[in-house]
N, C-alpha and C. Protein backbone atom coordinates (compact mmCIF):
# COMPACT_ATOMS: atom_id res chain seq x y z
N MET A 1 0.84 -1.17 0.00
CA MET A 1 0.00 0.00 0.00
C MET A 1 0.89 1.25 0.00
N ALA A 2 0.83 2.03 -1.04
CA ALA A 2 1.66 3.22 -1.17
C ALA A 2 1.13 4.36 -0.31
N TYR A 3 2.00 5.29 -0.05
CA TYR A 3 1.62 6.51 0.66
C TYR A 3 1.03 7.50 -0.33
N VAL A 4 0.19 8.42 0.15
CA VAL A 4 -0.40 9.45 -0.70
C VAL A 4 -0.22 10.81 -0.03
N ILE A 5 -0.18 11.84 -0.84
CA ILE A 5 -0.03 13.20 -0.36
C ILE A 5 -1.36 13.92 -0.53
N SER A 6 -1.87 14.49 0.55
CA SER A 6 -3.17 15.17 0.51
C SER A 6 -3.03 16.60 -0.01
N ASP A 7 -4.16 17.27 -0.15
CA ASP A 7 -4.18 18.65 -0.62
C ASP A 7 -3.58 19.61 0.41
N ALA A 8 -3.26 19.13 1.61
CA ALA A 8 -2.61 19.97 2.62
C ALA A 8 -1.15 20.24 2.27
N CYS A 9 -0.64 19.58 1.25
CA CYS A 9 0.75 19.75 0.81
C CYS A 9 1.05 21.22 0.52
N ILE A 10 2.19 21.70 1.05
CA ILE A 10 2.61 23.08 0.82
C ILE A 10 3.75 23.16 -0.21
N SER A 11 4.03 22.07 -0.88
CA SER A 11 5.05 21.99 -1.94
C SER A 11 6.43 22.44 -1.48
N CYS A 12 6.83 22.03 -0.29
CA CYS A 12 8.14 22.42 0.23
C CYS A 12 9.27 21.52 -0.29
N GLY A 13 8.92 20.28 -0.71
CA GLY A 13 9.92 19.38 -1.27
C GLY A 13 10.64 18.50 -0.27
N ALA A 14 10.33 18.64 1.01
CA ALA A 14 11.01 17.85 2.03
C ALA A 14 10.79 16.36 1.80
N CYS A 15 9.62 15.97 1.38
CA CYS A 15 9.31 14.55 1.15
C CYS A 15 10.15 13.98 0.02
N ALA A 16 10.29 14.73 -1.06
CA ALA A 16 11.06 14.27 -2.21
C ALA A 16 12.53 14.09 -1.84
N GLU A 17 13.05 15.00 -1.03
CA GLU A 17 14.44 14.90 -0.59
C GLU A 17 14.66 13.71 0.32
N GLY A 18 13.62 13.33 1.08
CA GLY A 18 13.75 12.23 2.04
C GLY A 18 13.43 10.86 1.47
N CYS A 19 12.94 10.79 0.24
CA CYS A 19 12.54 9.51 -0.34
C CYS A 19 13.77 8.74 -0.85
N PRO A 20 14.01 7.54 -0.32
CA PRO A 20 15.19 6.77 -0.72
C PRO A 20 15.11 6.17 -2.12
N VAL A 21 13.92 6.10 -2.70
CA VAL A 21 13.77 5.50 -4.04
C VAL A 21 13.30 6.50 -5.09
N GLU A 22 13.33 7.79 -4.74
CA GLU A 22 12.93 8.86 -5.66
C GLU A 22 11.55 8.64 -6.27
N ALA A 23 10.59 8.27 -5.42
CA ALA A 23 9.23 8.01 -5.89
C ALA A 23 8.35 9.26 -5.86
N ILE A 24 8.90 10.39 -5.42
CA ILE A 24 8.11 11.60 -5.26
C ILE A 24 8.60 12.69 -6.21
N ALA A 25 7.64 13.32 -6.90
CA ALA A 25 7.97 14.39 -7.82
C ALA A 25 6.94 15.51 -7.70
N GLU A 26 7.34 16.70 -8.09
CA GLU A 26 6.44 17.84 -8.05
C GLU A 26 5.34 17.66 -9.08
N GLY A 27 4.11 17.77 -8.63
CA GLY A 27 2.97 17.64 -9.52
C GLY A 27 2.30 18.98 -9.72
N ASP A 28 1.05 18.97 -10.10
CA ASP A 28 0.28 20.19 -10.36
C ASP A 28 -0.28 20.72 -9.04
N GLY A 29 0.43 21.65 -8.42
CA GLY A 29 -0.04 22.26 -7.19
C GLY A 29 0.38 21.55 -5.92
N LYS A 30 0.90 20.34 -6.01
CA LYS A 30 1.40 19.61 -4.85
C LYS A 30 2.31 18.50 -5.33
N TYR A 31 3.05 17.91 -4.41
CA TYR A 31 3.92 16.79 -4.77
C TYR A 31 3.07 15.52 -4.89
N GLU A 32 3.55 14.57 -5.68
CA GLU A 32 2.83 13.32 -5.90
C GLU A 32 3.77 12.13 -5.74
N ILE A 33 3.23 11.02 -5.24
CA ILE A 33 4.01 9.81 -5.04
C ILE A 33 3.66 8.79 -6.11
N ASN A 34 4.65 8.25 -6.77
CA ASN A 34 4.45 7.20 -7.76
C ASN A 34 4.24 5.89 -7.01
N ALA A 35 3.03 5.37 -7.02
CA ALA A 35 2.68 4.16 -6.27
C ALA A 35 3.46 2.94 -6.73
N ASP A 36 3.87 2.92 -7.98
CA ASP A 36 4.61 1.77 -8.50
C ASP A 36 6.06 1.75 -7.99
N THR A 37 6.58 2.91 -7.64
CA THR A 37 7.96 3.02 -7.16
C THR A 37 8.04 3.00 -5.64
N CYS A 38 7.02 3.50 -4.98
CA CYS A 38 6.98 3.62 -3.51
C CYS A 38 7.19 2.25 -2.85
N ILE A 39 8.07 2.23 -1.83
CA ILE A 39 8.35 0.98 -1.11
C ILE A 39 7.72 0.96 0.29
N ASP A 40 6.83 1.90 0.56
CA ASP A 40 6.09 1.97 1.83
C ASP A 40 6.98 2.09 3.06
N CYS A 41 8.07 2.82 2.93
CA CYS A 41 8.99 2.93 4.06
C CYS A 41 8.56 3.99 5.07
N GLY A 42 7.77 4.98 4.63
CA GLY A 42 7.29 6.01 5.53
C GLY A 42 8.25 7.17 5.74
N ALA A 43 9.39 7.17 5.08
CA ALA A 43 10.36 8.26 5.25
C ALA A 43 9.74 9.60 4.88
N CYS A 44 8.92 9.63 3.87
CA CYS A 44 8.30 10.87 3.43
C CYS A 44 7.36 11.44 4.49
N ALA A 45 6.56 10.57 5.08
CA ALA A 45 5.62 11.01 6.11
C ALA A 45 6.36 11.58 7.31
N ASP A 46 7.51 11.03 7.62
CA ASP A 46 8.30 11.51 8.75
C ASP A 46 8.90 12.89 8.48
N THR A 47 9.11 13.25 7.22
CA THR A 47 9.74 14.53 6.90
C THR A 47 8.74 15.64 6.61
N CYS A 48 7.48 15.32 6.39
CA CYS A 48 6.48 16.33 6.02
C CYS A 48 6.16 17.23 7.21
N PRO A 49 6.40 18.55 7.07
CA PRO A 49 6.18 19.46 8.19
C PRO A 49 4.71 19.75 8.48
N VAL A 50 3.81 19.42 7.55
CA VAL A 50 2.39 19.70 7.76
C VAL A 50 1.55 18.42 7.86
N GLY A 51 2.17 17.27 7.88
CA GLY A 51 1.43 16.01 8.02
C GLY A 51 0.52 15.68 6.87
N ALA A 52 0.94 16.06 5.65
CA ALA A 52 0.11 15.85 4.47
C ALA A 52 0.25 14.47 3.85
N ILE A 53 1.10 13.61 4.42
CA ILE A 53 1.35 12.29 3.83
C ILE A 53 0.88 11.19 4.76
N ALA A 54 0.12 10.25 4.20
CA ALA A 54 -0.39 9.13 4.98
C ALA A 54 -0.46 7.88 4.13
N ALA A 55 -0.52 6.72 4.79
CA ALA A 55 -0.69 5.47 4.06
C ALA A 55 -2.06 5.46 3.42
N GLU A 56 -2.13 4.97 2.21
CA GLU A 56 -3.39 4.93 1.47
C GLU A 56 -4.31 3.89 2.04
């Protein structure tokens, strides 16, 4: 089960920098996680300053 980024995302990029498999990229108005690449490690959720990332 991949993680997802909610609309609370402030596009700071902390999640992308913390992702060990580079599964996160800047999308339209917020960052997005590629579910096929995500390894469910939770590193992104730990780095998000606004808590916008959760397990799907």
